[in-house]
Structures are given as structure tokens and as C-alpha cells.
Full PDB file with SEQRES, HELIX, SHEET, SSBOND, CRYST1, ORIGX, SCALE, CONECT and MASTER records, all heavy atoms in Angstrom:
SEQRES   1 A   32  SER PHE TRP HIS ALA ASP CYS VAL ARG LYS ILE GLY LEU          
SEQRES   2 A   32  LYS THR PHE THR GLU ARG TYR ARG ASN PHE CYS LYS HIS          
SEQRES   3 A   32  HIS GLY TYR ASN PHE GLN                                      
HELIX    1 AA1 ASP A    6  ARG A    9  1                                   4    
HELIX    2 AA2 LEU A   13  HIS A   27  1                                  15    
CRYST1    1.000    1.000    1.000  90.00  90.00  90.00 P 1           1          
ORIGX1      1.000000  0.000000  0.000000        0.00000                         
ORIGX2      0.000000  1.000000  0.000000        0.00000                         
ORIGX3      0.000000  0.000000  1.000000        0.00000                         
SCALE1      1.000000  0.000000  0.000000        0.00000                         
SCALE2      0.000000  1.000000  0.000000        0.00000                         
SCALE3      0.000000  0.000000  1.000000        0.00000                         
ATOM      1  N   SER A   1     -64.637  76.157  50.666  1.00  0.00           N  
ATOM      2  CA  SER A   1     -65.665  75.266  51.180  1.00  0.00           C  
ATOM      3  C   SER A   1     -66.264  75.785  52.462  1.00  0.00           C  
ATOM      4  O   SER A   1     -67.434  75.514  52.754  1.00  0.00           O  
ATOM      5  CB  SER A   1     -64.976  73.915  51.465  1.00  0.00           C  
ATOM      6  OG  SER A   1     -64.476  73.332  50.252  1.00  0.00           O  
ATOM      7  N   PHE A   2     -65.483  76.451  53.303  1.00  0.00           N  
ATOM      8  CA  PHE A   2     -66.012  77.003  54.613  1.00  0.00           C  
ATOM      9  C   PHE A   2     -65.773  78.557  54.573  1.00  0.00           C  
ATOM     10  O   PHE A   2     -64.867  78.979  55.325  1.00  0.00           O  
ATOM     11  CB  PHE A   2     -65.254  76.287  55.799  1.00  0.00           C  
ATOM     12  CG  PHE A   2     -65.279  74.800  55.708  1.00  0.00           C  
ATOM     13  CD1 PHE A   2     -64.165  74.123  55.081  1.00  0.00           C  
ATOM     14  CD2 PHE A   2     -66.383  74.044  56.211  1.00  0.00           C  
ATOM     15  CE1 PHE A   2     -64.294  72.703  54.983  1.00  0.00           C  
ATOM     16  CE2 PHE A   2     -66.402  72.668  56.009  1.00  0.00           C  
ATOM     17  CZ  PHE A   2     -65.400  71.938  55.480  1.00  0.00           C  
ATOM     18  N   TRP A   3     -66.639  79.189  53.946  1.00  0.00           N  
ATOM     19  CA  TRP A   3     -66.444  80.634  53.762  1.00  0.00           C  
ATOM     20  C   TRP A   3     -66.884  81.537  54.924  1.00  0.00           C  
ATOM     21  O   TRP A   3     -66.633  82.759  55.001  1.00  0.00           O  
ATOM     22  CB  TRP A   3     -67.125  81.095  52.447  1.00  0.00           C  
ATOM     23  CG  TRP A   3     -68.651  80.924  52.523  1.00  0.00           C  
ATOM     24  CD1 TRP A   3     -69.284  79.745  52.061  1.00  0.00           C  
ATOM     25  CD2 TRP A   3     -69.639  81.838  52.866  1.00  0.00           C  
ATOM     26  NE1 TRP A   3     -70.645  79.884  52.332  1.00  0.00           N  
ATOM     27  CE2 TRP A   3     -70.860  81.218  52.784  1.00  0.00           C  
ATOM     28  CE3 TRP A   3     -69.511  83.214  53.275  1.00  0.00           C  
ATOM     29  CZ2 TRP A   3     -72.075  81.911  53.078  1.00  0.00           C  
ATOM     30  CZ3 TRP A   3     -70.746  83.850  53.650  1.00  0.00           C  
ATOM     31  CH2 TRP A   3     -71.900  83.207  53.554  1.00  0.00           C  
ATOM     32  N   HIS A   4     -67.688  80.899  55.801  1.00  0.00           N  
ATOM     33  CA  HIS A   4     -68.257  81.652  56.934  1.00  0.00           C  
ATOM     34  C   HIS A   4     -67.980  80.776  58.199  1.00  0.00           C  
ATOM     35  O   HIS A   4     -67.983  79.502  58.180  1.00  0.00           O  
ATOM     36  CB  HIS A   4     -69.791  81.829  56.683  1.00  0.00           C  
ATOM     37  CG  HIS A   4     -70.277  82.901  57.703  1.00  0.00           C  
ATOM     38  ND1 HIS A   4     -70.575  82.682  59.070  1.00  0.00           N  
ATOM     39  CD2 HIS A   4     -70.776  84.181  57.522  1.00  0.00           C  
ATOM     40  CE1 HIS A   4     -70.997  83.660  59.601  1.00  0.00           C  
ATOM     41  NE2 HIS A   4     -71.140  84.611  58.677  1.00  0.00           N  
ATOM     42  N   ALA A   5     -67.667  81.426  59.288  1.00  0.00           N  
ATOM     43  CA  ALA A   5     -67.432  80.637  60.548  1.00  0.00           C  
ATOM     44  C   ALA A   5     -68.648  79.792  60.825  1.00  0.00           C  
ATOM     45  O   ALA A   5     -68.478  78.643  61.462  1.00  0.00           O  
ATOM     46  CB  ALA A   5     -67.234  81.644  61.693  1.00  0.00           C  
ATOM     47  N   ASP A   6     -69.885  80.168  60.534  1.00  0.00           N  
ATOM     48  CA  ASP A   6     -71.034  79.366  60.750  1.00  0.00           C  
ATOM     49  C   ASP A   6     -70.983  78.048  60.042  1.00  0.00           C  
ATOM     50  O   ASP A   6     -71.629  77.049  60.328  1.00  0.00           O  
ATOM     51  CB  ASP A   6     -72.300  80.106  60.484  1.00  0.00           C  
ATOM     52  CG  ASP A   6     -72.632  81.210  61.498  1.00  0.00           C  
ATOM     53  OD1 ASP A   6     -71.946  81.142  62.520  1.00  0.00           O  
ATOM     54  OD2 ASP A   6     -73.603  82.018  61.248  1.00  0.00           O  
ATOM     55  N   CYS A   7     -70.314  77.980  58.889  1.00  0.00           N  
ATOM     56  CA  CYS A   7     -70.081  76.754  58.086  1.00  0.00           C  
ATOM     57  C   CYS A   7     -69.369  75.730  58.906  1.00  0.00           C  
ATOM     58  O   CYS A   7     -69.466  74.532  58.624  1.00  0.00           O  
ATOM     59  CB  CYS A   7     -69.319  76.992  56.809  1.00  0.00           C  
ATOM     60  SG  CYS A   7     -70.131  78.113  55.586  1.00  0.00           S  
ATOM     61  N   VAL A   8     -68.741  76.098  59.936  1.00  0.00           N  
ATOM     62  CA  VAL A   8     -68.024  75.167  60.881  1.00  0.00           C  
ATOM     63  C   VAL A   8     -68.762  74.935  62.114  1.00  0.00           C  
ATOM     64  O   VAL A   8     -69.048  73.845  62.524  1.00  0.00           O  
ATOM     65  CB  VAL A   8     -66.595  75.765  61.181  1.00  0.00           C  
ATOM     66  CG1 VAL A   8     -65.789  74.805  62.044  1.00  0.00           C  
ATOM     67  CG2 VAL A   8     -65.878  75.980  59.795  1.00  0.00           C  
ATOM     68  N   ARG A   9     -68.965  76.066  62.864  1.00  0.00           N  
ATOM     69  CA  ARG A   9     -69.372  75.872  64.223  1.00  0.00           C  
ATOM     70  C   ARG A   9     -70.953  75.608  64.332  1.00  0.00           C  
ATOM     71  O   ARG A   9     -71.449  74.919  65.257  1.00  0.00           O  
ATOM     72  CB  ARG A   9     -69.280  77.150  65.013  1.00  0.00           C  
ATOM     73  CG  ARG A   9     -69.964  78.400  64.437  1.00  0.00           C  
ATOM     74  CD  ARG A   9     -69.344  79.628  65.045  1.00  0.00           C  
ATOM     75  NE  ARG A   9     -69.885  80.871  64.548  1.00  0.00           N  
ATOM     76  CZ  ARG A   9     -69.433  82.044  64.669  1.00  0.00           C  
ATOM     77  NH1 ARG A   9     -68.283  82.174  65.502  1.00  0.00           N  
ATOM     78  NH2 ARG A   9     -69.971  83.186  64.249  1.00  0.00           N  
ATOM     79  N   LYS A  10     -71.754  75.739  63.253  1.00  0.00           N  
ATOM     80  CA  LYS A  10     -73.215  75.420  63.298  1.00  0.00           C  
ATOM     81  C   LYS A  10     -73.594  74.015  62.923  1.00  0.00           C  
ATOM     82  O   LYS A  10     -74.742  73.690  63.074  1.00  0.00           O  
ATOM     83  CB  LYS A  10     -74.012  76.447  62.431  1.00  0.00           C  
ATOM     84  CG  LYS A  10     -73.897  77.901  62.818  1.00  0.00           C  
ATOM     85  CD  LYS A  10     -74.706  78.160  64.061  1.00  0.00           C  
ATOM     86  CE  LYS A  10     -74.708  79.663  64.358  1.00  0.00           C  
ATOM     87  NZ  LYS A  10     -75.554  79.910  65.637  1.00  0.00           N  
ATOM     88  N   ILE A  11     -72.627  73.262  62.425  1.00  0.00           N  
ATOM     89  CA  ILE A  11     -72.860  71.880  62.011  1.00  0.00           C  
ATOM     90  C   ILE A  11     -72.466  70.818  63.010  1.00  0.00           C  
ATOM     91  O   ILE A  11     -72.686  69.576  62.724  1.00  0.00           O  
ATOM     92  CB  ILE A  11     -72.379  71.636  60.599  1.00  0.00           C  
ATOM     93  CG1 ILE A  11     -70.762  71.732  60.606  1.00  0.00           C  
ATOM     94  CG2 ILE A  11     -72.809  72.726  59.592  1.00  0.00           C  
ATOM     95  CD1 ILE A  11     -70.165  71.346  59.349  1.00  0.00           C  
ATOM     96  N   GLY A  12     -71.784  71.219  63.976  1.00  0.00           N  
ATOM     97  CA  GLY A  12     -71.296  70.268  65.034  1.00  0.00           C  
ATOM     98  C   GLY A  12     -69.917  69.694  64.611  1.00  0.00           C  
ATOM     99  O   GLY A  12     -69.600  69.621  63.412  1.00  0.00           O  
ATOM    100  N   LEU A  13     -69.201  69.210  65.676  1.00  0.00           N  
ATOM    101  CA  LEU A  13     -67.769  68.785  65.362  1.00  0.00           C  
ATOM    102  C   LEU A  13     -67.744  67.490  64.533  1.00  0.00           C  
ATOM    103  O   LEU A  13     -66.985  67.394  63.737  1.00  0.00           O  
ATOM    104  CB  LEU A  13     -67.133  68.515  66.814  1.00  0.00           C  
ATOM    105  CG  LEU A  13     -65.662  67.910  66.781  1.00  0.00           C  
ATOM    106  CD1 LEU A  13     -64.722  68.763  65.848  1.00  0.00           C  
ATOM    107  CD2 LEU A  13     -65.168  67.644  68.107  1.00  0.00           C  
ATOM    108  N   LYS A  14     -68.722  66.576  64.788  1.00  0.00           N  
ATOM    109  CA  LYS A  14     -68.709  65.328  64.067  1.00  0.00           C  
ATOM    110  C   LYS A  14     -68.900  65.463  62.627  1.00  0.00           C  
ATOM    111  O   LYS A  14     -68.140  64.985  61.708  1.00  0.00           O  
ATOM    112  CB  LYS A  14     -69.882  64.374  64.603  1.00  0.00           C  
ATOM    113  CG  LYS A  14     -69.764  63.035  63.990  1.00  0.00           C  
ATOM    114  CD  LYS A  14     -70.830  62.178  64.647  1.00  0.00           C  
ATOM    115  CE  LYS A  14     -70.795  60.801  63.932  1.00  0.00           C  
ATOM    116  NZ  LYS A  14     -71.909  59.849  64.589  1.00  0.00           N  
ATOM    117  N   THR A  15     -69.897  66.345  62.268  1.00  0.00           N  
ATOM    118  CA  THR A  15     -70.243  66.641  60.788  1.00  0.00           C  
ATOM    119  C   THR A  15     -69.102  67.416  60.140  1.00  0.00           C  
ATOM    120  O   THR A  15     -68.729  67.114  59.029  1.00  0.00           O  
ATOM    121  CB  THR A  15     -71.565  67.424  60.720  1.00  0.00           C  
ATOM    122  OG1 THR A  15     -72.622  66.638  61.281  1.00  0.00           O  
ATOM    123  CG2 THR A  15     -71.850  67.641  59.227  1.00  0.00           C  
ATOM    124  N   PHE A  16     -68.513  68.444  60.939  1.00  0.00           N  
ATOM    125  CA  PHE A  16     -67.478  69.178  60.367  1.00  0.00           C  
ATOM    126  C   PHE A  16     -66.249  68.265  60.153  1.00  0.00           C  
ATOM    127  O   PHE A  16     -65.551  68.432  59.053  1.00  0.00           O  
ATOM    128  CB  PHE A  16     -67.050  70.319  61.257  1.00  0.00           C  
ATOM    129  CG  PHE A  16     -65.902  71.066  60.899  1.00  0.00           C  
ATOM    130  CD1 PHE A  16     -65.857  71.878  59.692  1.00  0.00           C  
ATOM    131  CD2 PHE A  16     -64.673  70.989  61.637  1.00  0.00           C  
ATOM    132  CE1 PHE A  16     -64.671  72.513  59.269  1.00  0.00           C  
ATOM    133  CE2 PHE A  16     -63.500  71.568  61.228  1.00  0.00           C  
ATOM    134  CZ  PHE A  16     -63.567  72.357  60.061  1.00  0.00           C  
ATOM    135  N   THR A  17     -65.987  67.363  61.035  1.00  0.00           N  
ATOM    136  CA  THR A  17     -64.833  66.440  60.872  1.00  0.00           C  
ATOM    137  C   THR A  17     -64.944  65.730  59.591  1.00  0.00           C  
ATOM    138  O   THR A  17     -63.982  65.533  58.904  1.00  0.00           O  
ATOM    139  CB  THR A  17     -64.704  65.537  62.157  1.00  0.00           C  
ATOM    140  OG1 THR A  17     -64.409  66.357  63.348  1.00  0.00           O  
ATOM    141  CG2 THR A  17     -63.566  64.621  61.870  1.00  0.00           C  
ATOM    142  N   GLU A  18     -66.122  65.132  59.342  1.00  0.00           N  
ATOM    143  CA  GLU A  18     -66.253  64.356  58.149  1.00  0.00           C  
ATOM    144  C   GLU A  18     -66.216  65.194  56.865  1.00  0.00           C  
ATOM    145  O   GLU A  18     -65.504  64.840  55.885  1.00  0.00           O  
ATOM    146  CB  GLU A  18     -67.620  63.690  58.135  1.00  0.00           C  
ATOM    147  CG  GLU A  18     -67.934  62.759  56.985  1.00  0.00           C  
ATOM    148  CD  GLU A  18     -66.890  61.525  57.121  1.00  0.00           C  
ATOM    149  OE1 GLU A  18     -66.324  61.209  58.160  1.00  0.00           O  
ATOM    150  OE2 GLU A  18     -66.510  61.025  55.928  1.00  0.00           O  
ATOM    151  N   ARG A  19     -66.659  66.461  56.900  1.00  0.00           N  
ATOM    152  CA  ARG A  19     -66.640  67.390  55.765  1.00  0.00           C  
ATOM    153  C   ARG A  19     -65.152  67.825  55.554  1.00  0.00           C  
ATOM    154  O   ARG A  19     -64.704  67.935  54.415  1.00  0.00           O  
ATOM    155  CB  ARG A  19     -67.556  68.565  55.976  1.00  0.00           C  
ATOM    156  CG  ARG A  19     -68.991  68.177  55.855  1.00  0.00           C  
ATOM    157  CD  ARG A  19     -69.946  69.425  55.825  1.00  0.00           C  
ATOM    158  NE  ARG A  19     -71.336  69.016  55.921  1.00  0.00           N  
ATOM    159  CZ  ARG A  19     -72.363  69.884  55.944  1.00  0.00           C  
ATOM    160  NH1 ARG A  19     -72.126  71.236  56.031  1.00  0.00           N  
ATOM    161  NH2 ARG A  19     -73.550  69.427  55.890  1.00  0.00           N  
ATOM    162  N   TYR A  20     -64.446  68.056  56.689  1.00  0.00           N  
ATOM    163  CA  TYR A  20     -63.098  68.455  56.565  1.00  0.00           C  
ATOM    164  C   TYR A  20     -62.207  67.272  55.956  1.00  0.00           C  
ATOM    165  O   TYR A  20     -61.364  67.470  55.141  1.00  0.00           O  
ATOM    166  CB  TYR A  20     -62.515  68.854  57.851  1.00  0.00           C  
ATOM    167  CG  TYR A  20     -61.097  69.423  57.837  1.00  0.00           C  
ATOM    168  CD1 TYR A  20     -60.774  70.560  57.242  1.00  0.00           C  
ATOM    169  CD2 TYR A  20     -60.052  68.527  58.344  1.00  0.00           C  
ATOM    170  CE1 TYR A  20     -59.461  70.903  57.245  1.00  0.00           C  
ATOM    171  CE2 TYR A  20     -58.786  68.908  58.274  1.00  0.00           C  
ATOM    172  CZ  TYR A  20     -58.368  70.153  57.624  1.00  0.00           C  
ATOM    173  OH  TYR A  20     -57.075  70.502  57.599  1.00  0.00           O  
ATOM    174  N   ARG A  21     -62.553  66.146  56.391  1.00  0.00           N  
ATOM    175  CA  ARG A  21     -61.870  64.943  55.840  1.00  0.00           C  
ATOM    176  C   ARG A  21     -61.980  64.852  54.319  1.00  0.00           C  
ATOM    177  O   ARG A  21     -61.155  64.522  53.599  1.00  0.00           O  
ATOM    178  CB  ARG A  21     -62.346  63.697  56.565  1.00  0.00           C  
ATOM    179  CG  ARG A  21     -61.557  62.392  56.171  1.00  0.00           C  
ATOM    180  CD  ARG A  21     -62.287  61.167  56.640  1.00  0.00           C  
ATOM    181  NE  ARG A  21     -62.709  61.208  58.013  1.00  0.00           N  
ATOM    182  CZ  ARG A  21     -61.893  60.780  58.978  1.00  0.00           C  
ATOM    183  NH1 ARG A  21     -60.659  60.306  58.765  1.00  0.00           N  
ATOM    184  NH2 ARG A  21     -62.388  60.788  60.239  1.00  0.00           N  
ATOM    185  N   ASN A  22     -63.298  65.039  53.816  1.00  0.00           N  
ATOM    186  CA  ASN A  22     -63.534  64.972  52.446  1.00  0.00           C  
ATOM    187  C   ASN A  22     -62.943  66.087  51.663  1.00  0.00           C  
ATOM    188  O   ASN A  22     -62.408  65.940  50.536  1.00  0.00           O  
ATOM    189  CB  ASN A  22     -65.095  65.134  52.259  1.00  0.00           C  
ATOM    190  CG  ASN A  22     -65.867  63.775  52.792  1.00  0.00           C  
ATOM    191  OD1 ASN A  22     -65.224  62.705  52.758  1.00  0.00           O  
ATOM    192  ND2 ASN A  22     -67.111  63.955  53.066  1.00  0.00           N  
ATOM    193  N   PHE A  23     -62.839  67.212  52.345  1.00  0.00           N  
ATOM    194  CA  PHE A  23     -62.166  68.397  51.702  1.00  0.00           C  
ATOM    195  C   PHE A  23     -60.682  68.077  51.520  1.00  0.00           C  
ATOM    196  O   PHE A  23     -60.135  68.286  50.414  1.00  0.00           O  
ATOM    197  CB  PHE A  23     -62.267  69.595  52.666  1.00  0.00           C  
ATOM    198  CG  PHE A  23     -61.163  70.657  52.435  1.00  0.00           C  
ATOM    199  CD1 PHE A  23     -61.163  71.648  51.431  1.00  0.00           C  
ATOM    200  CD2 PHE A  23     -60.063  70.751  53.407  1.00  0.00           C  
ATOM    201  CE1 PHE A  23     -60.238  72.510  51.199  1.00  0.00           C  
ATOM    202  CE2 PHE A  23     -59.153  71.696  53.196  1.00  0.00           C  
ATOM    203  CZ  PHE A  23     -59.169  72.534  52.067  1.00  0.00           C  
ATOM    204  N   CYS A  24     -60.036  67.533  52.437  1.00  0.00           N  
ATOM    205  CA  CYS A  24     -58.533  67.143  52.364  1.00  0.00           C  
ATOM    206  C   CYS A  24     -58.386  66.063  51.250  1.00  0.00           C  
ATOM    207  O   CYS A  24     -57.398  66.066  50.438  1.00  0.00           O  
ATOM    208  CB  CYS A  24     -58.095  66.520  53.702  1.00  0.00           C  
ATOM    209  SG  CYS A  24     -57.913  67.799  55.017  1.00  0.00           S  
ATOM    210  N   LYS A  25     -59.332  65.136  51.225  1.00  0.00           N  
ATOM    211  CA  LYS A  25     -59.262  64.104  50.241  1.00  0.00           C  
ATOM    212  C   LYS A  25     -59.367  64.669  48.809  1.00  0.00           C  
ATOM    213  O   LYS A  25     -58.650  64.304  47.920  1.00  0.00           O  
ATOM    214  CB  LYS A  25     -60.267  63.054  50.485  1.00  0.00           C  
ATOM    215  CG  LYS A  25     -60.290  61.826  49.524  1.00  0.00           C  
ATOM    216  CD  LYS A  25     -61.254  60.761  49.893  1.00  0.00           C  
ATOM    217  CE  LYS A  25     -61.085  59.665  48.980  1.00  0.00           C  
ATOM    218  NZ  LYS A  25     -62.296  58.427  49.275  1.00  0.00           N  
ATOM    219  N   HIS A  26     -60.375  65.529  48.693  1.00  0.00           N  
ATOM    220  CA  HIS A  26     -60.641  66.179  47.328  1.00  0.00           C  
ATOM    221  C   HIS A  26     -59.506  66.866  46.839  1.00  0.00           C  
ATOM    222  O   HIS A  26     -59.293  66.847  45.593  1.00  0.00           O  
ATOM    223  CB  HIS A  26     -61.978  67.001  47.444  1.00  0.00           C  
ATOM    224  CG  HIS A  26     -62.246  67.690  46.214  1.00  0.00           C  
ATOM    225  ND1 HIS A  26     -62.860  67.060  45.173  1.00  0.00           N  
ATOM    226  CD2 HIS A  26     -62.143  69.018  45.879  1.00  0.00           C  
ATOM    227  CE1 HIS A  26     -62.988  67.940  44.088  1.00  0.00           C  
ATOM    228  NE2 HIS A  26     -62.617  69.146  44.618  1.00  0.00           N  
ATOM    229  N   HIS A  27     -58.793  67.715  47.734  1.00  0.00           N  
ATOM    230  CA  HIS A  27     -57.788  68.598  47.317  1.00  0.00           C  
ATOM    231  C   HIS A  27     -56.405  67.934  47.413  1.00  0.00           C  
ATOM    232  O   HIS A  27     -55.366  68.621  47.112  1.00  0.00           O  
ATOM    233  CB  HIS A  27     -57.843  69.856  48.127  1.00  0.00           C  
ATOM    234  CG  HIS A  27     -59.080  70.739  47.817  1.00  0.00           C  
ATOM    235  ND1 HIS A  27     -59.035  71.549  46.632  1.00  0.00           N  
ATOM    236  CD2 HIS A  27     -60.238  70.946  48.367  1.00  0.00           C  
ATOM    237  CE1 HIS A  27     -60.216  72.155  46.580  1.00  0.00           C  
ATOM    238  NE2 HIS A  27     -60.941  71.816  47.645  1.00  0.00           N  
ATOM    239  N   GLY A  28     -56.318  66.712  47.903  1.00  0.00           N  
ATOM    240  CA  GLY A  28     -55.018  65.999  48.109  1.00  0.00           C  
ATOM    241  C   GLY A  28     -54.186  66.500  49.270  1.00  0.00           C  
ATOM    242  O   GLY A  28     -52.882  66.476  49.217  1.00  0.00           O  
ATOM    243  N   TYR A  29     -54.895  67.044  50.468  1.00  0.00           N  
ATOM    244  CA  TYR A  29     -54.112  67.506  51.533  1.00  0.00           C  
ATOM    245  C   TYR A  29     -54.007  66.286  52.554  1.00  0.00           C  
ATOM    246  O   TYR A  29     -54.952  65.501  52.519  1.00  0.00           O  
ATOM    247  CB  TYR A  29     -54.729  68.701  52.155  1.00  0.00           C  
ATOM    248  CG  TYR A  29     -54.676  69.953  51.306  1.00  0.00           C  
ATOM    249  CD1 TYR A  29     -55.845  70.547  50.762  1.00  0.00           C  
ATOM    250  CD2 TYR A  29     -53.436  70.562  50.954  1.00  0.00           C  
ATOM    251  CE1 TYR A  29     -55.775  71.614  49.973  1.00  0.00           C  
ATOM    252  CE2 TYR A  29     -53.359  71.730  50.237  1.00  0.00           C  
ATOM    253  CZ  TYR A  29     -54.517  72.281  49.756  1.00  0.00           C  
ATOM    254  OH  TYR A  29     -54.499  73.387  48.887  1.00  0.00           O  
ATOM    255  N   ASN A  30     -53.010  66.298  53.350  1.00  0.00           N  
ATOM    256  CA  ASN A  30     -52.874  65.282  54.454  1.00  0.00           C  
ATOM    257  C   ASN A  30     -54.000  65.695  55.404  1.00  0.00           C  
ATOM    258  O   ASN A  30     -54.143  66.813  55.979  1.00  0.00           O  
ATOM    259  CB  ASN A  30     -51.475  65.331  55.141  1.00  0.00           C  
ATOM    260  CG  ASN A  30     -50.467  64.751  54.167  1.00  0.00           C  
ATOM    261  OD1 ASN A  30     -50.718  63.886  53.317  1.00  0.00           O  
ATOM    262  ND2 ASN A  30     -49.226  65.323  54.338  1.00  0.00           N  
ATOM    263  N   PHE A  31     -54.715  64.603  55.901  1.00  0.00           N  
ATOM    264  CA  PHE A  31     -55.676  64.735  57.001  1.00  0.00           C  
ATOM    265  C   PHE A  31     -55.069  64.521  58.391  1.00  0.00           C  
ATOM    266  O   PHE A  31     -54.556  63.463  58.648  1.00  0.00           O  
ATOM    267  CB  PHE A  31     -56.919  63.921  56.807  1.00  0.00           C  
ATOM    268  CG  PHE A  31     -57.912  63.940  57.885  1.00  0.00           C  
ATOM    269  CD1 PHE A  31     -58.730  65.015  57.924  1.00  0.00           C  
ATOM    270  CD2 PHE A  31     -57.881  62.919  58.895  1.00  0.00           C  
ATOM    271  CE1 PHE A  31     -59.734  65.009  59.002  1.00  0.00           C  
ATOM    272  CE2 PHE A  31     -58.869  63.004  59.862  1.00  0.00           C  
ATOM    273  CZ  PHE A  31     -59.815  64.045  59.938  1.00  0.00           C  
ATOM    274  N   GLN A  32     -55.013  65.560  59.193  1.00  0.00           N  
ATOM    275  CA  GLN A  32     -54.548  65.406  60.508  1.00  0.00           C  
ATOM    276  C   GLN A  32     -55.678  65.263  61.524  1.00  0.00           C  
ATOM    277  O   GLN A  32     -56.571  66.179  61.669  1.00  0.00           O  
ATOM    278  CB  GLN A  32     -53.668  66.677  60.914  1.00  0.00           C  
ATOM    279  CG  GLN A  32     -52.397  66.768  60.057  1.00  0.00           C  
ATOM    280  CD  GLN A  32     -51.740  68.123  60.253  1.00  0.00           C  
ATOM    281  OE1 GLN A  32     -52.355  69.190  60.252  1.00  0.00           O  
ATOM    282  NE2 GLN A  32     -50.481  68.102  60.433  1.00  0.00           N  
TER     283      GLN A  32                                                      
MASTER        0    0    0    2    0    0    0    6  282    1    0    3          
END                                                                             
């Protein structure tokens, strides 16, 4: 989902947090 560092740092913390939350939910990982 995040194959390049820019996939994280270029979208801002708020947007990345939401996308990371969705990533955890989709794959069944605990969201910390």
C-alpha cells in the first residue's frame, strides 16, 4: 500500500493516519 516514502510523507499526517487505519482494518491488523 505504501511502496514509496512519498506515499507517506507527501500526504500529511492526518490523511496518512486515516489510510493506515483502513490498511489495518482491511488486513486484520491491530491499529495502534
